[in-house]
Amino acid sequence: MSGSIVGKKSFEFAVNIIKFYKIFIVDKKEYVLSKQLLRSGTSVGANIREALNAQSKMDFIHKLSISQKECDETIYWLELLYQTEYISKVEFETLHSQAIELLKIIRSIIITTKNKLQKP
């Protein structure tokens, strides 16, 4: 993913999610919600990587759409962990802002790709 901005950002995000998860399970002893966050947060980049190796533009859009859903799910888990006071405002804001940025980039790429497909 060296040439892709979204690829780099999603990889960095996954690394941050993993680091957070490792600390979180030790400090908070919470394993269910944090595992959901780990799964969805790392899935964003994995699906972006798949999209970058897509077999067609439609496959590309499909893989990015999955990544978009996983990113939105990650935001949900972060919001839930914050509202239930499992994570601090600083922890929340750091990961949440990264996730929101990724979501916007992914959505923009999907829209742009769809628009290009519709033009003759």
PDB file of N, CA and C in Angstrom:
ATOM      1  N   MET A   1       0.827  -1.196   0.000  1.00  0.00           N
ATOM      2  CA  MET A   1       0.000   0.000   0.000  1.00  0.00           C
ATOM      3  C   MET A   1       0.868   1.256   0.000  1.00  0.00           C
ATOM      4  N   SER A   2       2.100   1.111  -0.386  1.00  0.00           N
ATOM      5  CA  SER A   2       3.038   2.219  -0.308  1.00  0.00           C
ATOM      6  C   SER A   2       2.643   3.423  -1.161  1.00  0.00           C
ATOM      7  N   GLY A   3       1.946   3.218  -2.279  1.00  0.00           N
ATOM      8  CA  GLY A   3       1.588   4.315  -3.149  1.00  0.00           C
ATOM      9  C   GLY A   3       0.212   4.903  -2.895  1.00  0.00           C
ATOM     10  N   SER A   4      -0.521   4.366  -1.968  1.00  0.00           N
ATOM     11  CA  SER A   4      -1.895   4.775  -1.730  1.00  0.00           C
ATOM     12  C   SER A   4      -2.019   5.506  -0.384  1.00  0.00           C
ATOM     13  N   ILE A   5      -2.535   6.724  -0.443  1.00  0.00           N
ATOM     14  CA  ILE A   5      -2.724   7.492   0.793  1.00  0.00           C
ATOM     15  C   ILE A   5      -3.711   6.783   1.709  1.00  0.00           C
ATOM     16  N   VAL A   6      -4.826   6.321   1.154  1.00  0.00           N
ATOM     17  CA  VAL A   6      -5.828   5.639   1.972  1.00  0.00           C
ATOM     18  C   VAL A   6      -5.254   4.332   2.521  1.00  0.00           C
ATOM     19  N   GLY A   7      -4.407   3.687   1.746  1.00  0.00           N
ATOM     20  CA  GLY A   7      -3.758   2.469   2.208  1.00  0.00           C
ATOM     21  C   GLY A   7      -2.843   2.738   3.399  1.00  0.00           C
ATOM     22  N   LYS A   8      -2.054   3.792   3.295  1.00  0.00           N
ATOM     23  CA  LYS A   8      -1.147   4.164   4.388  1.00  0.00           C
ATOM     24  C   LYS A   8      -1.928   4.548   5.646  1.00  0.00           C
ATOM     25  N   LYS A   9      -2.934   5.392   5.449  1.00  0.00           N
ATOM     26  CA  LYS A   9      -3.720   5.855   6.598  1.00  0.00           C
ATOM     27  C   LYS A   9      -4.471   4.709   7.276  1.00  0.00           C
ATOM     28  N   SER A  10      -4.994   3.784   6.483  1.00  0.00           N
ATOM     29  CA  SER A  10      -5.726   2.662   7.072  1.00  0.00           C
ATOM     30  C   SER A  10      -4.779   1.712   7.801  1.00  0.00           C
ATOM     31  N   PHE A  11      -3.562   1.569   7.299  1.00  0.00           N
ATOM     32  CA  PHE A  11      -2.572   0.720   7.972  1.00  0.00           C
ATOM     33  C   PHE A  11      -2.166   1.349   9.307  1.00  0.00           C
ATOM     34  N   GLU A  12      -1.897   2.650   9.294  1.00  0.00           N
ATOM     35  CA  GLU A  12      -1.553   3.367  10.532  1.00  0.00           C
ATOM     36  C   GLU A  12      -2.691   3.266  11.542  1.00  0.00           C
ATOM     37  N   PHE A  13      -3.914   3.379  11.054  1.00  0.00           N
ATOM     38  CA  PHE A  13      -5.077   3.270  11.924  1.00  0.00           C
ATOM     39  C   PHE A  13      -5.148   1.885  12.552  1.00  0.00           C
ATOM     40  N   ALA A  14      -4.930   0.850  11.753  1.00  0.00           N
ATOM     41  CA  ALA A  14      -4.951  -0.528  12.268  1.00  0.00           C
ATOM     42  C   ALA A  14      -3.875  -0.725  13.326  1.00  0.00           C
ATOM     43  N   VAL A  15      -2.700  -0.177  13.089  1.00  0.00           N
ATOM     44  CA  VAL A  15      -1.615  -0.272  14.083  1.00  0.00           C
ATOM     45  C   VAL A  15      -2.042   0.403  15.386  1.00  0.00           C
ATOM     46  N   ASN A  16      -2.648   1.581  15.279  1.00  0.00           N
ATOM     47  CA  ASN A  16      -3.104   2.290  16.479  1.00  0.00           C
ATOM     48  C   ASN A  16      -4.212   1.521  17.204  1.00  0.00           C
ATOM     49  N   ILE A  17      -5.104   0.911  16.460  1.00  0.00           N
ATOM     50  CA  ILE A  17      -6.171   0.099  17.064  1.00  0.00           C
ATOM     51  C   ILE A  17      -5.570  -1.085  17.814  1.00  0.00           C
ATOM     52  N   ILE A  18      -4.599  -1.753  17.209  1.00  0.00           N
ATOM     53  CA  ILE A  18      -3.960  -2.908  17.857  1.00  0.00           C
ATOM     54  C   ILE A  18      -3.239  -2.482  19.126  1.00  0.00           C
ATOM     55  N   LYS A  19      -2.497  -1.394  19.058  1.00  0.00           N
ATOM     56  CA  LYS A  19      -1.791  -0.895  20.251  1.00  0.00           C
ATOM     57  C   LYS A  19      -2.788  -0.545  21.353  1.00  0.00           C
ATOM     58  N   PHE A  20      -3.861   0.126  20.960  1.00  0.00           N
ATOM     59  CA  PHE A  20      -4.897   0.488  21.928  1.00  0.00           C
ATOM     60  C   PHE A  20      -5.514  -0.762  22.550  1.00  0.00           C
ATOM     61  N   TYR A  21      -5.824  -1.728  21.723  1.00  0.00           N
ATOM     62  CA  TYR A  21      -6.428  -2.982  22.191  1.00  0.00           C
ATOM     63  C   TYR A  21      -5.516  -3.676  23.217  1.00  0.00           C
ATOM     64  N   LYS A  22      -4.241  -3.747  22.914  1.00  0.00           N
ATOM     65  CA  LYS A  22      -3.300  -4.422  23.815  1.00  0.00           C
ATOM     66  C   LYS A  22      -3.272  -3.765  25.199  1.00  0.00           C
ATOM     67  N   ILE A  23      -3.298  -2.463  25.224  1.00  0.00           N
ATOM     68  CA  ILE A  23      -3.304  -1.729  26.494  1.00  0.00           C
ATOM     69  C   ILE A  23      -4.666  -1.866  27.169  1.00  0.00           C
ATOM     70  N   PHE A  24      -5.713  -1.751  26.377  1.00  0.00           N
ATOM     71  CA  PHE A  24      -7.085  -1.762  26.887  1.00  0.00           C
ATOM     72  C   PHE A  24      -7.426  -3.054  27.628  1.00  0.00           C
ATOM     73  N   ILE A  25      -7.069  -4.193  27.058  1.00  0.00           N
ATOM     74  CA  ILE A  25      -7.420  -5.463  27.704  1.00  0.00           C
ATOM     75  C   ILE A  25      -6.641  -5.671  28.995  1.00  0.00           C
ATOM     76  N   VAL A  26      -5.462  -5.096  29.076  1.00  0.00           N
ATOM     77  CA  VAL A  26      -4.674  -5.208  30.306  1.00  0.00           C
ATOM     78  C   VAL A  26      -5.225  -4.264  31.375  1.00  0.00           C
ATOM     79  N   ASP A  27      -5.446  -3.006  31.005  1.00  0.00           N
ATOM     80  CA  ASP A  27      -5.890  -1.995  31.965  1.00  0.00           C
ATOM     81  C   ASP A  27      -7.346  -2.147  32.390  1.00  0.00           C
ATOM     82  N   LYS A  28      -8.220  -2.416  31.451  1.00  0.00           N
ATOM     83  CA  LYS A  28      -9.658  -2.444  31.735  1.00  0.00           C
ATOM     84  C   LYS A  28     -10.228  -3.847  31.904  1.00  0.00           C
ATOM     85  N   LYS A  29      -9.480  -4.836  31.492  1.00  0.00           N
ATOM     86  CA  LYS A  29      -9.946  -6.237  31.573  1.00  0.00           C
ATOM     87  C   LYS A  29     -11.295  -6.422  30.867  1.00  0.00           C
ATOM     88  N   GLU A  30     -11.459  -5.717  29.766  1.00  0.00           N
ATOM     89  CA  GLU A  30     -12.685  -5.815  28.979  1.00  0.00           C
ATOM     90  C   GLU A  30     -12.317  -6.476  27.660  1.00  0.00           C
ATOM     91  N   TYR A  31     -12.987  -7.585  27.347  1.00  0.00           N
ATOM     92  CA  TYR A  31     -12.564  -8.384  26.205  1.00  0.00           C
ATOM     93  C   TYR A  31     -13.592  -8.464  25.070  1.00  0.00           C
ATOM     94  N   VAL A  32     -14.844  -8.216  25.330  1.00  0.00           N
ATOM     95  CA  VAL A  32     -15.873  -8.398  24.306  1.00  0.00           C
ATOM     96  C   VAL A  32     -15.952  -7.177  23.385  1.00  0.00           C
ATOM     97  N   LEU A  33     -16.225  -6.014  23.936  1.00  0.00           N
ATOM     98  CA  LEU A  33     -16.336  -4.803  23.120  1.00  0.00           C
ATOM     99  C   LEU A  33     -15.008  -4.459  22.457  1.00  0.00           C
ATOM    100  N   SER A  34     -13.940  -4.634  23.199  1.00  0.00           N
ATOM    101  CA  SER A  34     -12.627  -4.305  22.650  1.00  0.00           C
ATOM    102  C   SER A  34     -12.253  -5.229  21.490  1.00  0.00           C
ATOM    103  N   LYS A  35     -12.686  -6.479  21.546  1.00  0.00           N
ATOM    104  CA  LYS A  35     -12.423  -7.419  20.453  1.00  0.00           C
ATOM    105  C   LYS A  35     -13.201  -7.001  19.206  1.00  0.00           C
ATOM    106  N   GLN A  36     -14.422  -6.506  19.396  1.00  0.00           N
ATOM    107  CA  GLN A  36     -15.213  -6.008  18.269  1.00  0.00           C
ATOM    108  C   GLN A  36     -14.491  -4.829  17.606  1.00  0.00           C
ATOM    109  N   LEU A  37     -13.955  -3.932  18.447  1.00  0.00           N
ATOM    110  CA  LEU A  37     -13.213  -2.778  17.948  1.00  0.00           C
ATOM    111  C   LEU A  37     -11.981  -3.239  17.185  1.00  0.00           C
ATOM    112  N   LEU A  38     -11.276  -4.214  17.718  1.00  0.00           N
ATOM    113  CA  LEU A  38     -10.084  -4.749  17.063  1.00  0.00           C
ATOM    114  C   LEU A  38     -10.431  -5.337  15.690  1.00  0.00           C
ATOM    115  N   ARG A  39     -11.485  -6.118  15.646  1.00  0.00           N
ATOM    116  CA  ARG A  39     -11.876  -6.763  14.385  1.00  0.00           C
ATOM    117  C   ARG A  39     -12.266  -5.746  13.313  1.00  0.00           C
ATOM    118  N   SER A  40     -13.144  -4.832  13.675  1.00  0.00           N
ATOM    119  CA  SER A  40     -13.601  -3.867  12.664  1.00  0.00           C
ATOM    120  C   SER A  40     -12.496  -2.876  12.304  1.00  0.00           C
ATOM    121  N   GLY A  41     -11.729  -2.454  13.292  1.00  0.00           N
ATOM    122  CA  GLY A  41     -10.668  -1.466  13.044  1.00  0.00           C
ATOM    123  C   GLY A  41      -9.555  -1.973  12.151  1.00  0.00           C
ATOM    124  N   THR A  42      -9.234  -3.251  12.268  1.00  0.00           N
ATOM    125  CA  THR A  42      -8.188  -3.819  11.412  1.00  0.00           C
ATOM    126  C   THR A  42      -8.760  -4.257  10.061  1.00  0.00           C
ATOM    127  N   SER A  43     -10.034  -4.493  10.008  1.00  0.00           N
ATOM    128  CA  SER A  43     -10.677  -4.913   8.764  1.00  0.00           C
ATOM    129  C   SER A  43     -10.729  -3.788   7.730  1.00  0.00           C
ATOM    130  N   VAL A  44     -10.731  -2.559   8.189  1.00  0.00           N
ATOM    131  CA  VAL A  44     -10.781  -1.412   7.271  1.00  0.00           C
ATOM    132  C   VAL A  44      -9.622  -1.494   6.275  1.00  0.00           C
ATOM    133  N   GLY A  45      -8.421  -1.602   6.798  1.00  0.00           N
ATOM    134  CA  GLY A  45      -7.235  -1.650   5.950  1.00  0.00           C
ATOM    135  C   GLY A  45      -7.149  -2.920   5.124  1.00  0.00           C
ATOM    136  N   ALA A  46      -7.578  -4.034   5.701  1.00  0.00           N
ATOM    137  CA  ALA A  46      -7.540  -5.300   4.966  1.00  0.00           C
ATOM    138  C   ALA A  46      -8.428  -5.229   3.726  1.00  0.00           C
ATOM    139  N   ASN A  47      -9.591  -4.623   3.860  1.00  0.00           N
ATOM    140  CA  ASN A  47     -10.488  -4.494   2.713  1.00  0.00           C
ATOM    141  C   ASN A  47     -10.004  -3.451   1.712  1.00  0.00           C
ATOM    142  N   ILE A  48      -9.321  -2.442   2.189  1.00  0.00           N
ATOM    143  CA  ILE A  48      -8.716  -1.471   1.278  1.00  0.00           C
ATOM    144  C   ILE A  48      -7.614  -2.155   0.475  1.00  0.00           C
ATOM    145  N   ARG A  49      -6.829  -2.980   1.129  1.00  0.00           N
ATOM    146  CA  ARG A  49      -5.786  -3.721   0.420  1.00  0.00           C
ATOM    147  C   ARG A  49      -6.408  -4.611  -0.653  1.00  0.00           C
ATOM    148  N   GLU A  50      -7.509  -5.271  -0.313  1.00  0.00           N
ATOM    149  CA  GLU A  50      -8.207  -6.092  -1.312  1.00  0.00           C
ATOM    150  C   GLU A  50      -8.703  -5.226  -2.466  1.00  0.00           C
ATOM    151  N   ALA A  51      -9.218  -4.044  -2.150  1.00  0.00           N
ATOM    152  CA  ALA A  51      -9.723  -3.143  -3.188  1.00  0.00           C
ATOM    153  C   ALA A  51      -8.610  -2.728  -4.143  1.00  0.00           C
ATOM    154  N   LEU A  52      -7.435  -2.500  -3.597  1.00  0.00           N
ATOM    155  CA  LEU A  52      -6.313  -2.088  -4.437  1.00  0.00           C
ATOM    156  C   LEU A  52      -5.869  -3.191  -5.391  1.00  0.00           C
ATOM    157  N   ASN A  53      -6.276  -4.411  -5.098  1.00  0.00           N
ATOM    158  CA  ASN A  53      -5.980  -5.546  -5.968  1.00  0.00           C
ATOM    159  C   ASN A  53      -7.239  -6.074  -6.650  1.00  0.00           C
ATOM    160  N   ALA A  54      -8.226  -5.215  -6.794  1.00  0.00           N
ATOM    161  CA  ALA A  54      -9.513  -5.620  -7.367  1.00  0.00           C
ATOM    162  C   ALA A  54      -9.367  -6.060  -8.815  1.00  0.00           C
ATOM    163  N   GLN A  55     -10.294  -6.913  -9.230  1.00  0.00           N
ATOM    164  CA  GLN A  55     -10.279  -7.436 -10.595  1.00  0.00           C
ATOM    165  C   GLN A  55     -11.007  -6.529 -11.581  1.00  0.00           C
ATOM    166  N   SER A  56     -11.807  -5.615 -11.048  1.00  0.00           N
ATOM    167  CA  SER A  56     -12.541  -4.679 -11.900  1.00  0.00           C
ATOM    168  C   SER A  56     -12.903  -3.450 -11.072  1.00  0.00           C
ATOM    169  N   LYS A  57     -13.418  -2.437 -11.743  1.00  0.00           N
ATOM    170  CA  LYS A  57     -13.859  -1.226 -11.026  1.00  0.00           C
ATOM    171  C   LYS A  57     -15.026  -1.539 -10.082  1.00  0.00           C
ATOM    172  N   MET A  58     -15.915  -2.413 -10.527  1.00  0.00           N
ATOM    173  CA  MET A  58     -17.047  -2.801  -9.671  1.00  0.00           C
ATOM    174  C   MET A  58     -16.553  -3.573  -8.437  1.00  0.00           C
ATOM    175  N   ASP A  59     -15.578  -4.436  -8.613  1.00  0.00           N
ATOM    176  CA  ASP A  59     -14.982  -5.170  -7.494  1.00  0.00           C
ATOM    177  C   ASP A  59     -14.297  -4.187  -6.546  1.00  0.00           C
ATOM    178  N   PHE A  60     -13.622  -3.191  -7.122  1.00  0.00           N
ATOM    179  CA  PHE A  60     -12.963  -2.136  -6.346  1.00  0.00           C
ATOM    180  C   PHE A  60     -13.980  -1.412  -5.461  1.00  0.00           C
ATOM    181  N   ILE A  61     -15.083  -1.007  -6.071  1.00  0.00           N
ATOM    182  CA  ILE A  61     -16.142  -0.315  -5.333  1.00  0.00           C
ATOM    183  C   ILE A  61     -16.720  -1.215  -4.245  1.00  0.00           C
ATOM    184  N   HIS A  62     -16.949  -2.461  -4.578  1.00  0.00           N
ATOM    185  CA  HIS A  62     -17.501  -3.415  -3.610  1.00  0.00           C
ATOM    186  C   HIS A  62     -16.583  -3.564  -2.384  1.00  0.00           C
ATOM    187  N   LYS A  63     -15.291  -3.739  -2.624  1.00  0.00           N
ATOM    188  CA  LYS A  63     -14.338  -3.915  -1.522  1.00  0.00           C
ATOM    189  C   LYS A  63     -14.238  -2.637  -0.679  1.00  0.00           C
ATOM    190  N   LEU A  64     -14.242  -1.502  -1.349  1.00  0.00           N
ATOM    191  CA  LEU A  64     -14.208  -0.238  -0.601  1.00  0.00           C
ATOM    192  C   LEU A  64     -15.493  -0.023   0.185  1.00  0.00           C
ATOM    193  N   SER A  65     -16.605  -0.498  -0.343  1.00  0.00           N
ATOM    194  CA  SER A  65     -17.876  -0.383   0.383  1.00  0.00           C
ATOM    195  C   SER A  65     -17.845  -1.205   1.664  1.00  0.00           C
ATOM    196  N   ILE A  66     -17.218  -2.356   1.607  1.00  0.00           N
ATOM    197  CA  ILE A  66     -17.060  -3.173   2.816  1.00  0.00           C
ATOM    198  C   ILE A  66     -16.163  -2.438   3.807  1.00  0.00           C
ATOM    199  N   SER A  67     -15.098  -1.856   3.309  1.00  0.00           N
ATOM    200  CA  SER A  67     -14.192  -1.090   4.166  1.00  0.00           C
ATOM    201  C   SER A  67     -14.920   0.088   4.814  1.00  0.00           C
ATOM    202  N   GLN A  68     -15.772   0.736   4.037  1.00  0.00           N
ATOM    203  CA  GLN A  68     -16.568   1.850   4.564  1.00  0.00           C
ATOM    204  C   GLN A  68     -17.459   1.386   5.717  1.00  0.00           C
ATOM    205  N   LYS A  69     -18.103   0.250   5.542  1.00  0.00           N
ATOM    206  CA  LYS A  69     -18.975  -0.296   6.594  1.00  0.00           C
ATOM    207  C   LYS A  69     -18.178  -0.650   7.840  1.00  0.00           C
ATOM    208  N   GLU A  70     -17.009  -1.240   7.646  1.00  0.00           N
ATOM    209  CA  GLU A  70     -16.167  -1.602   8.788  1.00  0.00           C
ATOM    210  C   GLU A  70     -15.679  -0.359   9.529  1.00  0.00           C
ATOM    211  N   CYS A  71     -15.368   0.674   8.782  1.00  0.00           N
ATOM    212  CA  CYS A  71     -14.930   1.927   9.386  1.00  0.00           C
ATOM    213  C   CYS A  71     -16.054   2.548  10.213  1.00  0.00           C
ATOM    214  N   ASP A  72     -17.248   2.544   9.655  1.00  0.00           N
ATOM    215  CA  ASP A  72     -18.401   3.081  10.374  1.00  0.00           C
ATOM    216  C   ASP A  72     -18.702   2.245  11.622  1.00  0.00           C
ATOM    217  N   GLU A  73     -18.536   0.930  11.512  1.00  0.00           N
ATOM    218  CA  GLU A  73     -18.723   0.067  12.683  1.00  0.00           C
ATOM    219  C   GLU A  73     -17.689   0.387  13.760  1.00  0.00           C
ATOM    220  N   THR A  74     -16.465   0.644  13.342  1.00  0.00           N
ATOM    221  CA  THR A  74     -15.406   1.000  14.293  1.00  0.00           C
ATOM    222  C   THR A  74     -15.767   2.273  15.036  1.00  0.00           C
ATOM    223  N   ILE A  75     -16.313   3.235  14.312  1.00  0.00           N
ATOM    224  CA  ILE A  75     -16.751   4.486  14.937  1.00  0.00           C
ATOM    225  C   ILE A  75     -17.838   4.193  15.977  1.00  0.00           C
ATOM    226  N   TYR A  76     -18.743   3.297  15.640  1.00  0.00           N
ATOM    227  CA  TYR A  76     -19.795   2.904  16.582  1.00  0.00           C
ATOM    228  C   TYR A  76     -19.186   2.347  17.874  1.00  0.00           C
ATOM    229  N   TRP A  77     -18.237   1.413  17.757  1.00  0.00           N
ATOM    230  CA  TRP A  77     -17.635   0.812  18.957  1.00  0.00           C
ATOM    231  C   TRP A  77     -16.884   1.856  19.769  1.00  0.00           C
ATOM    232  N   LEU A  78     -16.199   2.766  19.102  1.00  0.00           N
ATOM    233  CA  LEU A  78     -15.496   3.831  19.825  1.00  0.00           C
ATOM    234  C   LEU A  78     -16.482   4.711  20.582  1.00  0.00           C
ATOM    235  N   GLU A  79     -17.574   5.083  19.922  1.00  0.00           N
ATOM    236  CA  GLU A  79     -18.589   5.910  20.578  1.00  0.00           C
ATOM    237  C   GLU A  79     -19.204   5.182  21.764  1.00  0.00           C
ATOM    238  N   LEU A  80     -19.466   3.903  21.610  1.00  0.00           N
ATOM    239  CA  LEU A  80     -20.042   3.107  22.690  1.00  0.00           C
ATOM    240  C   LEU A  80     -19.075   3.003  23.869  1.00  0.00           C
ATOM    241  N   LEU A  81     -17.813   2.730  23.590  1.00  0.00           N
ATOM    242  CA  LEU A  81     -16.809   2.634  24.658  1.00  0.00           C
ATOM    243  C   LEU A  81     -16.637   3.967  25.382  1.00  0.00           C
ATOM    244  N   TYR A  82     -16.716   5.054  24.635  1.00  0.00           N
ATOM    245  CA  TYR A  82     -16.594   6.375  25.250  1.00  0.00           C
ATOM    246  C   TYR A  82     -17.819   6.708  26.101  1.00  0.00           C
ATOM    247  N   GLN A  83     -19.008   6.484  25.560  1.00  0.00           N
ATOM    248  CA  GLN A  83     -20.237   6.810  26.290  1.00  0.00           C
ATOM    249  C   GLN A  83     -20.423   5.959  27.548  1.00  0.00           C
ATOM    250  N   THR A  84     -19.847   4.782  27.563  1.00  0.00           N
ATOM    251  CA  THR A  84     -19.947   3.913  28.748  1.00  0.00           C
ATOM    252  C   THR A  84     -18.729   4.063  29.659  1.00  0.00           C
ATOM    253  N   GLU A  85     -17.918   5.064  29.362  1.00  0.00           N
ATOM    254  CA  GLU A  85     -16.772   5.468  30.180  1.00  0.00           C
ATOM    255  C   GLU A  85     -15.679   4.402  30.297  1.00  0.00           C
ATOM    256  N   TYR A  86     -15.578   3.564  29.263  1.00  0.00           N
ATOM    257  CA  TYR A  86     -14.462   2.625  29.210  1.00  0.00           C
ATOM    258  C   TYR A  86     -13.188   3.314  28.729  1.00  0.00           C
ATOM    259  N   ILE A  87     -13.363   4.334  27.873  1.00  0.00           N
ATOM    260  CA  ILE A  87     -12.197   5.049  27.365  1.00  0.00           C
ATOM    261  C   ILE A  87     -12.325   6.541  27.660  1.00  0.00           C
ATOM    262  N   SER A  88     -11.178   7.186  27.764  1.00  0.00           N
ATOM    263  CA  SER A  88     -11.143   8.614  28.077  1.00  0.00           C
ATOM    264  C   SER A  88     -11.467   9.450  26.841  1.00  0.00           C
ATOM    265  N   LYS A  89     -11.700  10.717  27.068  1.00  0.00           N
ATOM    266  CA  LYS A  89     -11.997  11.634  25.974  1.00  0.00           C
ATOM    267  C   LYS A  89     -10.814  11.720  25.012  1.00  0.00           C
ATOM    268  N   VAL A  90      -9.611  11.750  25.547  1.00  0.00           N
ATOM    269  CA  VAL A  90      -8.403  11.829  24.712  1.00  0.00           C
ATOM    270  C   VAL A  90      -8.250  10.576  23.859  1.00  0.00           C
ATOM    271  N   GLU A  91      -8.432   9.404  24.452  1.00  0.00           N
ATOM    272  CA  GLU A  91      -8.352   8.150  23.700  1.00  0.00           C
ATOM    273  C   GLU A  91      -9.402   8.121  22.599  1.00  0.00           C
ATOM    274  N   PHE A  92     -10.607   8.522  22.969  1.00  0.00           N
ATOM    275  CA  PHE A  92     -11.705   8.545  22.008  1.00  0.00           C
ATOM    276  C   PHE A  92     -11.408   9.487  20.855  1.00  0.00           C
ATOM    277  N   GLU A  93     -11.056  10.718  21.172  1.00  0.00           N
ATOM    278  CA  GLU A  93     -10.861  11.730  20.139  1.00  0.00           C
ATOM    279  C   GLU A  93      -9.742  11.371  19.174  1.00  0.00           C
ATOM    280  N   THR A  94      -8.689  10.766  19.677  1.00  0.00           N
ATOM    281  CA  THR A  94      -7.569  10.387  18.821  1.00  0.00           C
ATOM    282  C   THR A  94      -7.993   9.360  17.782  1.00  0.00           C
ATOM    283  N   LEU A  95      -8.576   8.255  18.228  1.00  0.00           N
ATOM    284  CA  LEU A  95      -8.982   7.195  17.307  1.00  0.00           C
ATOM    285  C   LEU A  95     -10.197   7.602  16.474  1.00  0.00           C
ATOM    286  N   HIS A  96     -11.119   8.310  17.083  1.00  0.00           N
ATOM    287  CA  HIS A  96     -12.335   8.732  16.389  1.00  0.00           C
ATOM    288  C   HIS A  96     -11.997   9.665  15.226  1.00  0.00           C
ATOM    289  N   SER A  97     -11.114  10.616  15.446  1.00  0.00           N
ATOM    290  CA  SER A  97     -10.762  11.546  14.366  1.00  0.00           C
ATOM    291  C   SER A  97     -10.078  10.821  13.210  1.00  0.00           C
ATOM    292  N   GLN A  98      -9.238   9.833  13.526  1.00  0.00           N
ATOM    293  CA  GLN A  98      -8.617   9.028  12.470  1.00  0.00           C
ATOM    294  C   GLN A  98      -9.673   8.258  11.682  1.00  0.00           C
ATOM    295  N   ALA A  99     -10.621   7.670  12.397  1.00  0.00           N
ATOM    296  CA  ALA A  99     -11.671   6.885  11.751  1.00  0.00           C
ATOM    297  C   ALA A  99     -12.563   7.764  10.871  1.00  0.00           C
ATOM    298  N   ILE A 100     -12.919   8.927  11.355  1.00  0.00           N
ATOM    299  CA  ILE A 100     -13.752   9.850  10.579  1.00  0.00           C
ATOM    300  C   ILE A 100     -13.021  10.286   9.310  1.00  0.00           C
ATOM    301  N   GLU A 101     -11.741  10.588   9.430  1.00  0.00           N
ATOM    302  CA  GLU A 101     -10.948  10.975   8.264  1.00  0.00           C
ATOM    303  C   GLU A 101     -10.917   9.846   7.230  1.00  0.00           C
ATOM    304  N   LEU A 102     -10.669   8.627   7.696  1.00  0.00           N
ATOM    305  CA  LEU A 102     -10.660   7.467   6.804  1.00  0.00           C
ATOM    306  C   LEU A 102     -12.012   7.281   6.121  1.00  0.00           C
ATOM    307  N   LEU A 103     -13.067   7.391   6.892  1.00  0.00           N
ATOM    308  CA  LEU A 103     -14.408   7.225   6.342  1.00  0.00           C
ATOM    309  C   LEU A 103     -14.680   8.239   5.231  1.00  0.00           C
ATOM    310  N   LYS A 104     -14.292   9.471   5.445  1.00  0.00           N
ATOM    311  CA  LYS A 104     -14.487  10.514   4.433  1.00  0.00           C
ATOM    312  C   LYS A 104     -13.683  10.217   3.168  1.00  0.00           C
ATOM    313  N   ILE A 105     -12.454   9.753   3.340  1.00  0.00           N
ATOM    314  CA  ILE A 105     -11.610   9.434   2.187  1.00  0.00           C
ATOM    315  C   ILE A 105     -12.218   8.273   1.405  1.00  0.00           C
ATOM    316  N   ILE A 106     -12.620   7.232   2.111  1.00  0.00           N
ATOM    317  CA  ILE A 106     -13.202   6.053   1.459  1.00  0.00           C
ATOM    318  C   ILE A 106     -14.462   6.431   0.700  1.00  0.00           C
ATOM    319  N   ARG A 107     -15.339   7.185   1.353  1.00  0.00           N
ATOM    320  CA  ARG A 107     -16.582   7.611   0.691  1.00  0.00           C
ATOM    321  C   ARG A 107     -16.293   8.435  -0.561  1.00  0.00           C
ATOM    322  N   SER A 108     -15.310   9.312  -0.468  1.00  0.00           N
ATOM    323  CA  SER A 108     -14.942  10.152  -1.602  1.00  0.00           C
ATOM    324  C   SER A 108     -14.429   9.308  -2.769  1.00  0.00           C
ATOM    325  N   ILE A 109     -13.609   8.320  -2.476  1.00  0.00           N
ATOM    326  CA  ILE A 109     -13.079   7.440  -3.526  1.00  0.00           C
ATOM    327  C   ILE A 109     -14.213   6.653  -4.188  1.00  0.00           C
ATOM    328  N   ILE A 110     -15.135   6.161  -3.380  1.00  0.00           N
ATOM    329  CA  ILE A 110     -16.275   5.408  -3.925  1.00  0.00           C
ATOM    330  C   ILE A 110     -17.109   6.290  -4.847  1.00  0.00           C
ATOM    331  N   ILE A 111     -17.436   7.482  -4.400  1.00  0.00           N
ATOM    332  CA  ILE A 111     -18.247   8.412  -5.199  1.00  0.00           C
ATOM    333  C   ILE A 111     -17.536   8.771  -6.498  1.00  0.00           C
ATOM    334  N   THR A 112     -16.256   9.086  -6.414  1.00  0.00           N
ATOM    335  CA  THR A 112     -15.479   9.449  -7.601  1.00  0.00           C
ATOM    336  C   THR A 112     -15.428   8.295  -8.600  1.00  0.00           C
ATOM    337  N   THR A 113     -15.192   7.088  -8.088  1.00  0.00           N
ATOM    338  CA  THR A 113     -15.117   5.917  -8.965  1.00  0.00           C
ATOM    339  C   THR A 113     -16.457   5.642  -9.619  1.00  0.00           C
ATOM    340  N   LYS A 114     -17.543   5.747  -8.867  1.00  0.00           N
ATOM    341  CA  LYS A 114     -18.876   5.540  -9.441  1.00  0.00           C
ATOM    342  C   LYS A 114     -19.174   6.574 -10.523  1.00  0.00           C
ATOM    343  N   ASN A 115     -18.810   7.821 -10.251  1.00  0.00           N
ATOM    344  CA  ASN A 115     -19.032   8.889 -11.242  1.00  0.00           C
ATOM    345  C   ASN A 115     -18.258   8.635 -12.527  1.00  0.00           C
ATOM    346  N   LYS A 116     -17.044   8.152 -12.401  1.00  0.00           N
ATOM    347  CA  LYS A 116     -16.230   7.857 -13.588  1.00  0.00           C
ATOM    348  C   LYS A 116     -16.832   6.700 -14.390  1.00  0.00           C
ATOM    349  N   LEU A 117     -17.431   5.748 -13.705  1.00  0.00           N
ATOM    350  CA  LEU A 117     -18.051   4.624 -14.389  1.00  0.00           C
ATOM    351  C   LEU A 117     -19.294   5.045 -15.179  1.00  0.00           C
ATOM    352  N   GLN A 118     -19.986   6.055 -14.688  1.00  0.00           N
ATOM    353  CA  GLN A 118     -21.217   6.499 -15.330  1.00  0.00           C
ATOM    354  C   GLN A 118     -20.982   7.392 -16.541  1.00  0.00           C
ATOM    355  N   LYS A 119     -19.791   7.979 -16.624  1.00  0.00           N
ATOM    356  CA  LYS A 119     -19.483   8.862 -17.761  1.00  0.00           C
ATOM    357  C   LYS A 119     -19.022   8.023 -18.957  1.00  0.00           C
ATOM    358  N   PRO A 120     -19.482   8.407 -20.164  1.00  0.00           N
ATOM    359  CA  PRO A 120     -19.089   7.653 -21.366  1.00  0.00           C
ATOM    360  C   PRO A 120     -17.642   7.863 -21.765  1.00  0.00           C
TER     361      PRO A 120
END
